[in-house]
Amino acid sequence: MSARFEREDEQRLRPRTVTVYKPVLVETAEVAAFCLLRDISPSGMMARTYVEYAEGSAIKVTFGCDLSVEGKVVWSRDARVGIEFDKSIDVPLLLQQLSIGLPSGLKRRSPRLQIRTFAYLSLTGRRMPVELIDISQNGVKVNAPYLQPEDEVTIELSGMSMKRATVRWTHTGFAGLKFQVPLDFNQLAEWVIEQQIRKDNDTAPSPQQTKQRANRI
């Protein structure tokens, strides 16, 4: 395994390590987050991260909509994470697959994070609440049966400025929206973490609820 992924203070990389700058989706049992892939080798990777991970945690890295690998956290510090893959990967083949797209000829989508929350959608002057299903730098999936392909809309995500988007597809009540201007990666990565923290805080029992439960025991 490359020394870079075994110890964070190691600076030398083996020749088989490739430096890239690409968004990836990283998931553990506790949190799902976007990271910026920096270095990758057949045995592991290093990425810029926006959350600390517990050493030894099982982890899944998704490079594209259908390209993923499992591994474990070797270290996590100073906004970086080192990951060791469970199985060796073919790095040149992975990078080629990410660049050439799907066999169908469609462009390979950037990683999308499933996150259930609410936003506001404006269409023809009407502002309506909408359920968000997933998100990437390029767009979102929403539950909005009234949308039609090519509709021009504005979507408001909590904590972000309004984003103009175009409906690219609809199916069984869901719609895919493409942002006219992609989200800044840092903004997206931080927003995803904030939403998960907010959700955890909303579902956590209040001090009064905790006291009431204790009194019933």
N, C-alpha and C. Protein backbone atom coordinates (compact mmCIF):
# COMPACT_ATOMS: atom_id res chain seq x y z
N MET A 1 0.84 -1.20 0.00
CA MET A 1 0.00 0.00 0.00
C MET A 1 0.87 1.25 0.00
N SER A 2 0.49 2.28 -0.70
CA SER A 2 1.28 3.49 -0.78
C SER A 2 1.42 4.13 0.59
N ALA A 3 2.64 4.58 0.92
CA ALA A 3 2.90 5.15 2.23
C ALA A 3 2.07 6.40 2.48
N ARG A 4 1.69 7.11 1.44
CA ARG A 4 0.91 8.34 1.60
C ARG A 4 -0.41 8.07 2.29
N PHE A 5 -0.97 6.88 2.08
CA PHE A 5 -2.27 6.57 2.64
C PHE A 5 -2.15 5.85 3.98
N GLU A 6 -0.95 5.38 4.31
CA GLU A 6 -0.74 4.74 5.60
C GLU A 6 -0.51 5.77 6.70
N ARG A 7 0.24 6.83 6.38
CA ARG A 7 0.56 7.83 7.38
C ARG A 7 0.42 9.21 6.75
N GLU A 8 -0.27 10.11 7.46
CA GLU A 8 -0.53 11.43 6.90
C GLU A 8 0.71 12.29 6.83
N ASP A 9 1.74 12.00 7.62
CA ASP A 9 2.93 12.83 7.61
C ASP A 9 3.95 12.37 6.58
N GLU A 10 3.65 11.28 5.85
CA GLU A 10 4.53 10.81 4.78
C GLU A 10 4.29 11.69 3.55
N GLN A 11 5.34 12.20 2.95
CA GLN A 11 5.19 13.12 1.83
C GLN A 11 5.54 12.50 0.48
N ARG A 12 6.23 11.37 0.50
CA ARG A 12 6.67 10.79 -0.76
C ARG A 12 5.65 9.78 -1.27
N LEU A 13 5.37 9.84 -2.56
CA LEU A 13 4.40 8.95 -3.19
C LEU A 13 5.11 7.98 -4.12
N ARG A 14 4.58 6.80 -4.23
CA ARG A 14 5.13 5.86 -5.20
C ARG A 14 4.75 6.32 -6.60
N PRO A 15 5.51 5.91 -7.63
CA PRO A 15 5.24 6.36 -8.99
C PRO A 15 3.83 6.04 -9.48
N ARG A 16 3.19 5.00 -8.92
CA ARG A 16 1.88 4.59 -9.43
C ARG A 16 0.76 5.49 -8.91
N THR A 17 1.08 6.41 -8.02
CA THR A 17 0.07 7.33 -7.51
C THR A 17 -0.17 8.46 -8.51
N VAL A 18 -1.44 8.78 -8.73
CA VAL A 18 -1.82 9.82 -9.68
C VAL A 18 -2.47 10.96 -8.93
N THR A 19 -2.09 12.19 -9.26
CA THR A 19 -2.70 13.38 -8.66
C THR A 19 -3.83 13.86 -9.56
N VAL A 20 -5.01 13.98 -9.00
CA VAL A 20 -6.18 14.47 -9.73
C VAL A 20 -6.95 15.42 -8.84
N TYR A 21 -7.84 16.18 -9.43
CA TYR A 21 -8.73 17.05 -8.66
C TYR A 21 -10.14 16.79 -9.15
N LYS A 22 -10.85 15.94 -8.41
CA LYS A 22 -12.18 15.51 -8.87
C LYS A 22 -13.10 15.30 -7.68
N PRO A 23 -14.34 15.82 -7.73
CA PRO A 23 -15.30 15.58 -6.65
C PRO A 23 -15.69 14.11 -6.57
N VAL A 24 -15.76 13.59 -5.36
CA VAL A 24 -16.23 12.23 -5.13
C VAL A 24 -17.19 12.25 -3.95
N LEU A 25 -18.00 11.22 -3.85
CA LEU A 25 -18.93 11.07 -2.73
C LEU A 25 -18.37 10.02 -1.79
N VAL A 26 -18.28 10.36 -0.50
CA VAL A 26 -17.73 9.46 0.51
C VAL A 26 -18.80 9.21 1.57
N GLU A 27 -19.07 7.92 1.84
CA GLU A 27 -20.13 7.56 2.78
C GLU A 27 -19.64 6.58 3.84
N THR A 28 -20.01 6.87 5.10
CA THR A 28 -19.81 5.93 6.19
C THR A 28 -21.18 5.66 6.80
N ALA A 29 -21.22 4.88 7.87
CA ALA A 29 -22.49 4.60 8.53
C ALA A 29 -23.05 5.85 9.20
N GLU A 30 -22.19 6.83 9.49
CA GLU A 30 -22.61 8.02 10.21
C GLU A 30 -22.90 9.22 9.32
N VAL A 31 -22.19 9.35 8.21
CA VAL A 31 -22.31 10.57 7.43
C VAL A 31 -22.00 10.30 5.96
N ALA A 32 -22.61 11.10 5.10
CA ALA A 32 -22.31 11.09 3.67
C ALA A 32 -21.87 12.49 3.29
N ALA A 33 -20.77 12.59 2.55
CA ALA A 33 -20.22 13.91 2.25
C ALA A 33 -19.50 13.90 0.91
N PHE A 34 -19.39 15.10 0.33
CA PHE A 34 -18.58 15.28 -0.85
C PHE A 34 -17.15 15.60 -0.44
N CYS A 35 -16.20 15.00 -1.12
CA CYS A 35 -14.79 15.28 -0.91
C CYS A 35 -14.14 15.60 -2.25
N LEU A 36 -12.98 16.24 -2.19
CA LEU A 36 -12.24 16.54 -3.41
C LEU A 36 -11.05 15.59 -3.49
N LEU A 37 -11.12 14.64 -4.41
CA LEU A 37 -10.06 13.67 -4.61
C LEU A 37 -8.78 14.38 -5.04
N ARG A 38 -7.68 14.09 -4.35
CA ARG A 38 -6.40 14.72 -4.68
C ARG A 38 -5.41 13.71 -5.25
N ASP A 39 -5.16 12.61 -4.51
CA ASP A 39 -4.21 11.59 -4.95
C ASP A 39 -4.87 10.23 -4.90
N ILE A 40 -4.57 9.38 -5.88
CA ILE A 40 -5.15 8.04 -5.90
C ILE A 40 -4.11 7.06 -6.44
N SER A 41 -4.09 5.87 -5.86
CA SER A 41 -3.22 4.79 -6.29
C SER A 41 -4.06 3.53 -6.34
N PRO A 42 -3.53 2.41 -6.80
CA PRO A 42 -4.31 1.17 -6.81
C PRO A 42 -4.78 0.75 -5.42
N SER A 43 -4.09 1.17 -4.38
CA SER A 43 -4.41 0.69 -3.04
C SER A 43 -5.13 1.70 -2.16
N GLY A 44 -5.21 2.97 -2.57
CA GLY A 44 -5.86 3.94 -1.71
C GLY A 44 -5.91 5.33 -2.31
N MET A 45 -6.38 6.28 -1.52
CA MET A 45 -6.54 7.64 -2.00
C MET A 45 -6.45 8.63 -0.85
N MET A 46 -6.17 9.88 -1.21
CA MET A 46 -6.21 10.98 -0.26
C MET A 46 -7.12 12.06 -0.82
N ALA A 47 -7.96 12.64 0.02
CA ALA A 47 -8.91 13.65 -0.45
C ALA A 47 -9.04 14.78 0.56
N ARG A 48 -9.40 15.94 0.05
CA ARG A 48 -9.76 17.06 0.93
C ARG A 48 -11.17 16.80 1.42
N THR A 49 -11.39 16.98 2.71
CA THR A 49 -12.69 16.67 3.28
C THR A 49 -13.21 17.82 4.14
N TYR A 50 -14.49 17.80 4.41
CA TYR A 50 -15.13 18.87 5.18
C TYR A 50 -15.68 18.34 6.49
N VAL A 51 -15.29 17.10 6.84
CA VAL A 51 -15.75 16.48 8.08
C VAL A 51 -14.67 15.51 8.54
N GLU A 52 -14.53 15.32 9.86
CA GLU A 52 -13.56 14.37 10.39
C GLU A 52 -14.16 12.97 10.39
N TYR A 53 -13.33 11.98 10.06
CA TYR A 53 -13.76 10.58 10.05
C TYR A 53 -13.00 9.81 11.12
N ALA A 54 -13.67 8.82 11.71
CA ALA A 54 -13.03 7.98 12.72
C ALA A 54 -12.09 6.99 12.04
N GLU A 55 -10.88 6.88 12.55
CA GLU A 55 -9.92 5.95 11.99
C GLU A 55 -10.45 4.53 12.06
N GLY A 56 -10.33 3.80 10.99
CA GLY A 56 -10.81 2.42 10.93
C GLY A 56 -12.23 2.27 10.44
N SER A 57 -12.94 3.39 10.24
CA SER A 57 -14.33 3.32 9.79
C SER A 57 -14.42 2.73 8.39
N ALA A 58 -15.42 1.86 8.20
CA ALA A 58 -15.71 1.36 6.85
C ALA A 58 -16.24 2.51 6.02
N ILE A 59 -15.85 2.57 4.76
CA ILE A 59 -16.20 3.72 3.93
C ILE A 59 -16.43 3.29 2.49
N LYS A 60 -17.32 4.01 1.81
CA LYS A 60 -17.60 3.75 0.40
C LYS A 60 -17.33 5.04 -0.38
N VAL A 61 -16.57 4.93 -1.45
CA VAL A 61 -16.24 6.08 -2.29
C VAL A 61 -16.91 5.90 -3.64
N THR A 62 -17.70 6.89 -4.04
CA THR A 62 -18.37 6.86 -5.34
C THR A 62 -17.74 7.92 -6.24
N PHE A 63 -17.18 7.47 -7.36
CA PHE A 63 -16.51 8.38 -8.29
C PHE A 63 -17.47 8.91 -9.34
N GLY A 64 -18.48 8.12 -9.68
CA GLY A 64 -19.48 8.50 -10.66
C GLY A 64 -20.76 7.76 -10.33
N CYS A 65 -21.77 7.90 -11.18
CA CYS A 65 -23.07 7.34 -10.86
C CYS A 65 -23.05 5.82 -10.72
N ASP A 66 -22.07 5.15 -11.33
CA ASP A 66 -22.04 3.69 -11.23
C ASP A 66 -20.63 3.16 -10.96
N LEU A 67 -19.74 4.02 -10.47
CA LEU A 67 -18.36 3.63 -10.18
C LEU A 67 -18.05 3.88 -8.72
N SER A 68 -17.89 2.81 -7.95
CA SER A 68 -17.64 2.98 -6.52
C SER A 68 -16.68 1.91 -6.03
N VAL A 69 -16.06 2.15 -4.88
CA VAL A 69 -15.14 1.22 -4.26
C VAL A 69 -15.27 1.34 -2.75
N GLU A 70 -15.09 0.23 -2.04
CA GLU A 70 -15.18 0.24 -0.59
C GLU A 70 -13.80 0.15 0.03
N GLY A 71 -13.68 0.65 1.26
CA GLY A 71 -12.40 0.64 1.94
C GLY A 71 -12.56 1.02 3.40
N LYS A 72 -11.48 1.55 3.99
CA LYS A 72 -11.52 2.00 5.37
C LYS A 72 -10.69 3.26 5.54
N VAL A 73 -11.04 4.04 6.56
CA VAL A 73 -10.31 5.26 6.87
C VAL A 73 -9.02 4.91 7.59
N VAL A 74 -7.89 5.35 7.04
CA VAL A 74 -6.59 5.11 7.68
C VAL A 74 -6.22 6.28 8.59
N TRP A 75 -6.53 7.49 8.13
CA TRP A 75 -6.31 8.67 8.96
C TRP A 75 -7.23 9.79 8.48
N SER A 76 -7.48 10.75 9.37
CA SER A 76 -8.32 11.90 9.04
C SER A 76 -7.86 13.07 9.90
N ARG A 77 -7.33 14.11 9.21
CA ARG A 77 -6.77 15.24 9.95
C ARG A 77 -6.53 16.42 9.02
N ASP A 78 -6.65 17.65 9.57
CA ASP A 78 -6.32 18.86 8.81
C ASP A 78 -7.08 18.94 7.48
N ALA A 79 -8.38 18.63 7.53
CA ALA A 79 -9.26 18.71 6.35
C ALA A 79 -8.83 17.76 5.24
N ARG A 80 -8.17 16.65 5.61
CA ARG A 80 -7.80 15.63 4.65
C ARG A 80 -8.15 14.26 5.22
N VAL A 81 -8.33 13.29 4.34
CA VAL A 81 -8.61 11.93 4.78
C VAL A 81 -7.82 10.95 3.90
N GLY A 82 -7.25 9.95 4.54
CA GLY A 82 -6.55 8.89 3.82
C GLY A 82 -7.37 7.62 3.87
N ILE A 83 -7.62 7.02 2.73
CA ILE A 83 -8.48 5.84 2.62
C ILE A 83 -7.71 4.69 1.97
N GLU A 84 -7.81 3.51 2.57
CA GLU A 84 -7.24 2.30 1.99
C GLU A 84 -8.37 1.48 1.37
N PHE A 85 -8.23 1.08 0.11
CA PHE A 85 -9.25 0.31 -0.56
C PHE A 85 -9.21 -1.15 -0.10
N ASP A 86 -10.39 -1.79 -0.05
CA ASP A 86 -10.45 -3.21 0.30
C ASP A 86 -9.80 -4.07 -0.79
N LYS A 87 -9.96 -3.63 -2.04
CA LYS A 87 -9.38 -4.35 -3.17
C LYS A 87 -8.63 -3.36 -4.05
N SER A 88 -7.54 -3.83 -4.64
CA SER A 88 -6.76 -2.99 -5.52
C SER A 88 -7.58 -2.61 -6.76
N ILE A 89 -7.42 -1.38 -7.23
CA ILE A 89 -8.16 -0.91 -8.40
C ILE A 89 -7.20 -0.57 -9.54
N ASP A 90 -7.74 -0.54 -10.74
CA ASP A 90 -6.98 -0.16 -11.93
C ASP A 90 -7.20 1.34 -12.14
N VAL A 91 -6.24 2.15 -11.71
CA VAL A 91 -6.41 3.60 -11.75
C VAL A 91 -6.55 4.13 -13.18
N PRO A 92 -5.68 3.76 -14.11
CA PRO A 92 -5.86 4.26 -15.49
C PRO A 92 -7.23 3.92 -16.08
N LEU A 93 -7.73 2.70 -15.79
CA LEU A 93 -9.03 2.30 -16.31
C LEU A 93 -10.14 3.14 -15.67
N LEU A 94 -10.03 3.38 -14.35
CA LEU A 94 -11.02 4.20 -13.66
C LEU A 94 -11.07 5.60 -14.26
N LEU A 95 -9.92 6.23 -14.43
CA LEU A 95 -9.88 7.59 -14.98
C LEU A 95 -10.40 7.61 -16.41
N GLN A 96 -10.14 6.56 -17.16
CA GLN A 96 -10.65 6.48 -18.54
C GLN A 96 -12.17 6.38 -18.53
N GLN A 97 -12.71 5.54 -17.64
CA GLN A 97 -14.16 5.38 -17.57
C GLN A 97 -14.84 6.69 -17.17
N LEU A 98 -14.21 7.44 -16.29
CA LEU A 98 -14.79 8.71 -15.87
C LEU A 98 -14.78 9.75 -16.98
N SER A 99 -13.84 9.60 -17.90
CA SER A 99 -13.70 10.61 -18.95
C SER A 99 -14.51 10.29 -20.21
N ILE A 100 -14.76 9.01 -20.49
CA ILE A 100 -15.40 8.66 -21.76
C ILE A 100 -16.91 8.56 -21.67
N GLY A 101 -17.48 8.56 -20.45
CA GLY A 101 -18.93 8.50 -20.35
C GLY A 101 -19.47 7.08 -20.33
N LEU A 102 -20.78 6.95 -20.50
CA LEU A 102 -21.46 5.67 -20.41
C LEU A 102 -21.49 4.96 -21.76
N PRO A 103 -21.68 3.61 -21.75
CA PRO A 103 -21.78 2.87 -23.00
C PRO A 103 -22.91 3.36 -23.89
N SER A 104 -23.96 3.91 -23.27
CA SER A 104 -25.11 4.40 -24.02
C SER A 104 -24.80 5.67 -24.81
N GLY A 105 -23.63 6.25 -24.51
CA GLY A 105 -23.27 7.49 -25.18
C GLY A 105 -23.59 8.72 -24.36
N LEU A 106 -24.33 8.54 -23.25
CA LEU A 106 -24.66 9.66 -22.38
C LEU A 106 -23.46 10.05 -21.54
N LYS A 107 -23.41 11.31 -21.16
CA LYS A 107 -22.33 11.80 -20.33
C LYS A 107 -22.48 11.22 -18.92
N ARG A 108 -21.37 10.75 -18.34
CA ARG A 108 -21.42 10.19 -17.00
C ARG A 108 -21.70 11.30 -15.99
N ARG A 109 -22.71 11.08 -15.14
CA ARG A 109 -23.10 12.10 -14.18
C ARG A 109 -22.10 12.21 -13.05
N SER A 110 -21.99 13.40 -12.49
CA SER A 110 -21.17 13.59 -11.30
C SER A 110 -21.86 12.92 -10.12
N PRO A 111 -21.12 12.60 -9.05
CA PRO A 111 -21.73 11.92 -7.90
C PRO A 111 -22.90 12.71 -7.34
N ARG A 112 -23.97 11.99 -6.98
CA ARG A 112 -25.16 12.62 -6.42
C ARG A 112 -25.39 12.08 -5.01
N LEU A 113 -25.70 12.98 -4.10
CA LEU A 113 -25.94 12.60 -2.71
C LEU A 113 -27.43 12.59 -2.43
N GLN A 114 -27.94 11.46 -1.97
CA GLN A 114 -29.34 11.39 -1.57
C GLN A 114 -29.51 12.12 -0.24
N ILE A 115 -30.36 13.12 -0.23
CA ILE A 115 -30.59 13.90 0.98
C ILE A 115 -32.02 14.43 0.96
N ARG A 116 -32.83 13.98 1.90
CA ARG A 116 -34.24 14.38 1.93
C ARG A 116 -34.38 15.64 2.76
N THR A 117 -34.78 16.72 2.10
CA THR A 117 -35.03 17.98 2.78
C THR A 117 -36.02 18.78 1.93
N PHE A 118 -36.36 19.96 2.38
CA PHE A 118 -37.33 20.77 1.64
C PHE A 118 -36.69 22.05 1.11
N ALA A 119 -37.21 22.49 -0.01
CA ALA A 119 -36.76 23.72 -0.64
C ALA A 119 -38.00 24.44 -1.18
N TYR A 120 -37.77 25.58 -1.83
CA TYR A 120 -38.88 26.29 -2.47
C TYR A 120 -38.59 26.42 -3.96
N LEU A 121 -39.64 26.20 -4.74
CA LEU A 121 -39.54 26.24 -6.19
C LEU A 121 -40.46 27.33 -6.72
N SER A 122 -39.93 28.16 -7.61
CA SER A 122 -40.74 29.20 -8.24
C SER A 122 -40.93 28.88 -9.71
N LEU A 123 -42.19 28.85 -10.13
CA LEU A 123 -42.55 28.53 -11.52
C LEU A 123 -43.68 29.45 -11.95
N THR A 124 -43.46 30.19 -13.04
CA THR A 124 -44.45 31.13 -13.59
C THR A 124 -45.05 32.03 -12.51
N GLY A 125 -44.17 32.53 -11.64
CA GLY A 125 -44.62 33.48 -10.63
C GLY A 125 -45.15 32.86 -9.35
N ARG A 126 -45.29 31.55 -9.30
CA ARG A 126 -45.78 30.87 -8.10
C ARG A 126 -44.62 30.26 -7.33
N ARG A 127 -44.62 30.46 -6.01
CA ARG A 127 -43.57 29.92 -5.13
C ARG A 127 -44.18 28.79 -4.30
N MET A 128 -43.60 27.57 -4.44
CA MET A 128 -44.19 26.39 -3.81
C MET A 128 -43.11 25.59 -3.08
N PRO A 129 -43.47 24.98 -1.93
CA PRO A 129 -42.52 24.08 -1.26
C PRO A 129 -42.34 22.82 -2.09
N VAL A 130 -41.13 22.25 -2.05
CA VAL A 130 -40.84 21.06 -2.83
C VAL A 130 -39.89 20.17 -2.04
N GLU A 131 -40.05 18.86 -2.18
CA GLU A 131 -39.16 17.93 -1.49
C GLU A 131 -37.94 17.65 -2.35
N LEU A 132 -36.77 17.83 -1.76
CA LEU A 132 -35.51 17.53 -2.43
C LEU A 132 -35.14 16.07 -2.19
N ILE A 133 -34.75 15.36 -3.26
CA ILE A 133 -34.42 13.94 -3.16
C ILE A 133 -32.91 13.72 -3.19
N ASP A 134 -32.22 14.36 -4.13
CA ASP A 134 -30.76 14.26 -4.16
C ASP A 134 -30.18 15.52 -4.79
N ILE A 135 -28.84 15.64 -4.69
CA ILE A 135 -28.19 16.86 -5.15
C ILE A 135 -26.78 16.54 -5.64
N SER A 136 -26.33 17.31 -6.63
CA SER A 136 -24.96 17.27 -7.11
C SER A 136 -24.58 18.71 -7.45
N GLN A 137 -23.35 18.90 -7.94
CA GLN A 137 -22.95 20.25 -8.35
C GLN A 137 -23.80 20.77 -9.49
N ASN A 138 -24.30 19.86 -10.32
CA ASN A 138 -24.99 20.27 -11.54
C ASN A 138 -26.50 20.37 -11.43
N GLY A 139 -27.08 19.82 -10.37
CA GLY A 139 -28.54 19.88 -10.27
C GLY A 139 -29.11 19.11 -9.11
N VAL A 140 -30.44 18.99 -9.11
CA VAL A 140 -31.14 18.31 -8.04
C VAL A 140 -32.27 17.45 -8.61
N LYS A 141 -32.69 16.49 -7.82
CA LYS A 141 -33.89 15.71 -8.12
C LYS A 141 -34.93 16.09 -7.09
N VAL A 142 -36.15 16.40 -7.54
CA VAL A 142 -37.21 16.84 -6.65
C VAL A 142 -38.48 16.05 -6.89
N ASN A 143 -39.33 16.05 -5.88
CA ASN A 143 -40.66 15.45 -5.99
C ASN A 143 -41.63 16.56 -6.35
N ALA A 144 -41.95 16.67 -7.63
CA ALA A 144 -42.79 17.77 -8.11
C ALA A 144 -43.57 17.31 -9.34
N PRO A 145 -44.72 16.68 -9.14
CA PRO A 145 -45.50 16.11 -10.25
C PRO A 145 -45.97 17.14 -11.28
N TYR A 146 -46.01 18.41 -10.91
CA TYR A 146 -46.54 19.44 -11.79
C TYR A 146 -45.51 19.96 -12.80
N LEU A 147 -44.26 19.55 -12.66
CA LEU A 147 -43.23 20.05 -13.58
C LEU A 147 -43.24 19.29 -14.91
N GLN A 148 -42.81 19.99 -15.96
CA GLN A 148 -42.71 19.41 -17.29
C GLN A 148 -41.30 19.65 -17.85
N PRO A 149 -40.82 18.75 -18.69
CA PRO A 149 -39.50 18.96 -19.30
C PRO A 149 -39.41 20.33 -19.97
N GLU A 150 -38.26 20.97 -19.79
CA GLU A 150 -37.91 22.28 -20.33
C GLU A 150 -38.53 23.44 -19.55
N ASP A 151 -39.26 23.17 -18.48
CA ASP A 151 -39.72 24.26 -17.62
C ASP A 151 -38.52 25.01 -17.07
N GLU A 152 -38.61 26.33 -17.03
CA GLU A 152 -37.57 27.16 -16.42
C GLU A 152 -38.04 27.53 -15.02
N VAL A 153 -37.23 27.19 -14.01
CA VAL A 153 -37.64 27.40 -12.63
C VAL A 153 -36.52 28.07 -11.84
N THR A 154 -36.88 28.50 -10.63
CA THR A 154 -35.91 28.99 -9.66
C THR A 154 -36.09 28.18 -8.39
N ILE A 155 -34.99 27.67 -7.84
CA ILE A 155 -35.07 26.87 -6.63
C ILE A 155 -34.28 27.54 -5.52
N GLU A 156 -34.87 27.54 -4.32
CA GLU A 156 -34.24 28.12 -3.15
C GLU A 156 -33.90 27.00 -2.16
N LEU A 157 -32.61 26.79 -1.95
CA LEU A 157 -32.14 25.82 -0.97
C LEU A 157 -31.77 26.57 0.30
N SER A 158 -32.11 26.01 1.44
CA SER A 158 -31.85 26.66 2.72
C SER A 158 -30.39 27.07 2.85
N GLY A 159 -30.17 28.36 3.12
CA GLY A 159 -28.81 28.84 3.31
C GLY A 159 -28.08 29.21 2.04
N MET A 160 -28.71 29.05 0.89
CA MET A 160 -28.09 29.40 -0.39
C MET A 160 -28.91 30.48 -1.09
N SER A 161 -28.25 31.18 -2.02
CA SER A 161 -28.98 32.11 -2.86
C SER A 161 -29.80 31.32 -3.87
N MET A 162 -30.80 31.97 -4.46
CA MET A 162 -31.67 31.30 -5.41
C MET A 162 -30.87 30.85 -6.65
N LYS A 163 -31.25 29.67 -7.16
CA LYS A 163 -30.58 29.11 -8.33
C LYS A 163 -31.59 28.92 -9.46
N ARG A 164 -31.23 29.39 -10.64
CA ARG A 164 -32.06 29.17 -11.81
C ARG A 164 -31.73 27.79 -12.38
N ALA A 165 -32.76 27.08 -12.82
CA ALA A 165 -32.56 25.73 -13.32
C ALA A 165 -33.57 25.40 -14.41
N THR A 166 -33.25 24.35 -15.17
CA THR A 166 -34.13 23.87 -16.24
C THR A 166 -34.50 22.42 -15.96
N VAL A 167 -35.77 22.08 -16.14
CA VAL A 167 -36.23 20.71 -15.94
C VAL A 167 -35.75 19.88 -17.14
N ARG A 168 -34.93 18.86 -16.87
CA ARG A 168 -34.38 18.02 -17.93
C ARG A 168 -35.21 16.77 -18.17
N TRP A 169 -35.85 16.24 -17.10
CA TRP A 169 -36.66 15.03 -17.26
C TRP A 169 -37.69 14.97 -16.15
N THR A 170 -38.77 14.22 -16.41
CA THR A 170 -39.78 13.94 -15.38
C THR A 170 -40.16 12.48 -15.48
N HIS A 171 -40.49 11.88 -14.32
CA HIS A 171 -40.88 10.46 -14.30
C HIS A 171 -41.57 10.15 -12.99
N THR A 172 -42.79 9.66 -13.07
CA THR A 172 -43.61 9.24 -11.93
C THR A 172 -43.61 10.26 -10.81
N GLY A 173 -43.76 11.51 -11.15
CA GLY A 173 -43.85 12.56 -10.15
C GLY A 173 -42.54 13.21 -9.77
N PHE A 174 -41.43 12.64 -10.20
CA PHE A 174 -40.12 13.21 -9.89
C PHE A 174 -39.60 13.98 -11.10
N ALA A 175 -38.69 14.92 -10.82
CA ALA A 175 -38.13 15.74 -11.89
C ALA A 175 -36.65 15.99 -11.63
N GLY A 176 -35.88 16.00 -12.72
CA GLY A 176 -34.47 16.32 -12.64
C GLY A 176 -34.22 17.74 -13.10
N LEU A 177 -33.65 18.55 -12.24
CA LEU A 177 -33.38 19.95 -12.55
C LEU A 177 -31.88 20.16 -12.76
N LYS A 178 -31.51 20.82 -13.84
CA LYS A 178 -30.12 21.16 -14.08
C LYS A 178 -29.90 22.64 -13.83
N PHE A 179 -28.93 22.94 -12.94
CA PHE A 179 -28.63 24.34 -12.66
C PHE A 179 -28.06 25.01 -13.90
N GLN A 180 -28.46 26.24 -14.13
CA GLN A 180 -27.89 26.98 -15.24
C GLN A 180 -26.42 27.32 -14.98
N VAL A 181 -26.09 27.50 -13.70
CA VAL A 181 -24.70 27.69 -13.27
C VAL A 181 -24.43 26.67 -12.17
N PRO A 182 -23.47 25.76 -12.34
CA PRO A 182 -23.21 24.73 -11.33
C PRO A 182 -22.88 25.34 -9.97
N LEU A 183 -23.18 24.60 -8.92
CA LEU A 183 -22.84 25.02 -7.58
C LEU A 183 -21.33 25.01 -7.38
N ASP A 184 -20.84 25.96 -6.60
CA ASP A 184 -19.44 25.93 -6.18
C ASP A 184 -19.24 24.69 -5.32
N PHE A 185 -18.16 23.94 -5.58
CA PHE A 185 -17.96 22.68 -4.87
C PHE A 185 -17.84 22.87 -3.37
N ASN A 186 -17.08 23.86 -2.93
CA ASN A 186 -16.93 24.09 -1.49
C ASN A 186 -18.27 24.42 -0.85
N GLN A 187 -19.07 25.22 -1.52
CA GLN A 187 -20.39 25.58 -1.00
C GLN A 187 -21.28 24.34 -0.88
N LEU A 188 -21.27 23.49 -1.90
CA LEU A 188 -22.07 22.27 -1.88
C LEU A 188 -21.63 21.34 -0.75
N ALA A 189 -20.32 21.12 -0.64
CA ALA A 189 -19.79 20.20 0.38
C ALA A 189 -20.16 20.66 1.78
N GLU A 190 -20.02 21.96 2.04
CA GLU A 190 -20.35 22.48 3.37
C GLU A 190 -21.86 22.44 3.61
N TRP A 191 -22.66 22.73 2.58
CA TRP A 191 -24.11 22.72 2.72
C TRP A 191 -24.63 21.33 3.08
N VAL A 192 -24.07 20.31 2.44
CA VAL A 192 -24.48 18.93 2.71
C VAL A 192 -24.24 18.57 4.18
N ILE A 193 -23.08 18.92 4.71
CA ILE A 193 -22.77 18.64 6.11
C ILE A 193 -23.72 19.40 7.03
N GLU A 194 -23.96 20.68 6.72
CA GLU A 194 -24.85 21.49 7.54
C GLU A 194 -26.26 20.90 7.59
N GLN A 195 -26.74 20.39 6.46
CA GLN A 195 -28.08 19.81 6.42
C GLN A 195 -28.17 18.55 7.28
N GLN A 196 -27.12 17.74 7.27
CA GLN A 196 -27.13 16.52 8.07
C GLN A 196 -27.03 16.83 9.56
N ILE A 197 -26.24 17.85 9.91
CA ILE A 197 -26.14 18.27 11.31
C ILE A 197 -27.48 18.80 11.78
N ARG A 198 -28.13 19.60 10.94
CA ARG A 198 -29.44 20.16 11.29
C ARG A 198 -30.48 19.06 11.48
N LYS A 199 -30.44 18.06 10.60
CA LYS A 199 -31.38 16.94 10.71
C LYS A 199 -31.15 16.17 12.00
N ASP A 200 -29.87 15.94 12.35
CA ASP A 200 -29.56 15.23 13.59
C ASP A 200 -30.04 16.02 14.80
N ASN A 201 -29.86 17.34 14.75
CA ASN A 201 -30.30 18.18 15.87
C ASN A 201 -31.82 18.20 15.99
N ASP A 202 -32.50 18.18 14.84
CA ASP A 202 -33.97 18.21 14.86
C ASP A 202 -34.55 16.92 15.42
N THR A 203 -33.86 15.79 15.19
CA THR A 203 -34.38 14.50 15.65
C THR A 203 -33.90 14.14 17.05
N ALA A 204 -32.88 14.86 17.55
CA ALA A 204 -32.37 14.57 18.90
C ALA A 204 -33.39 15.03 19.94
N PRO A 205 -33.60 14.29 21.03
CA PRO A 205 -34.55 14.69 22.06
C PRO A 205 -34.08 15.95 22.79
N SER A 206 -35.01 16.81 23.13
CA SER A 206 -34.68 18.01 23.88
C SER A 206 -34.35 17.65 25.32
N PRO A 207 -33.67 18.55 26.07
CA PRO A 207 -33.39 18.27 27.48
C PRO A 207 -34.65 17.94 28.27
N GLN A 208 -35.79 18.61 27.96
CA GLN A 208 -37.03 18.35 28.66
C GLN A 208 -37.54 16.94 28.36
N GLN A 209 -37.43 16.53 27.07
CA GLN A 209 -37.86 15.18 26.68
C GLN A 209 -36.99 14.13 27.34
N THR A 210 -35.69 14.39 27.42
CA THR A 210 -34.78 13.46 28.07
C THR A 210 -35.13 13.30 29.54
N LYS A 211 -35.45 14.43 30.20
CA LYS A 211 -35.81 14.40 31.61
C LYS A 211 -37.10 13.63 31.82
N GLN A 212 -38.09 13.84 30.95
CA GLN A 212 -39.36 13.15 31.06
C GLN A 212 -39.18 11.65 30.90
N ARG A 213 -38.32 11.25 29.94
CA ARG A 213 -38.07 9.82 29.74
C ARG A 213 -37.41 9.22 30.98
N ALA A 214 -36.47 9.96 31.55
CA ALA A 214 -35.77 9.46 32.73
C ALA A 214 -36.73 9.29 33.90
N ASN A 215 -37.70 10.20 34.01
CA ASN A 215 -38.66 10.12 35.11
C ASN A 215 -39.58 8.92 34.99
N ARG A 216 -39.76 8.44 33.72
CA ARG A 216 -40.66 7.31 33.52
C ARG A 216 -39.97 5.97 33.78
N ILE A 217 -38.63 6.01 33.84
CA ILE A 217 -37.90 4.76 34.07
C ILE A 217 -37.89 4.38 35.54
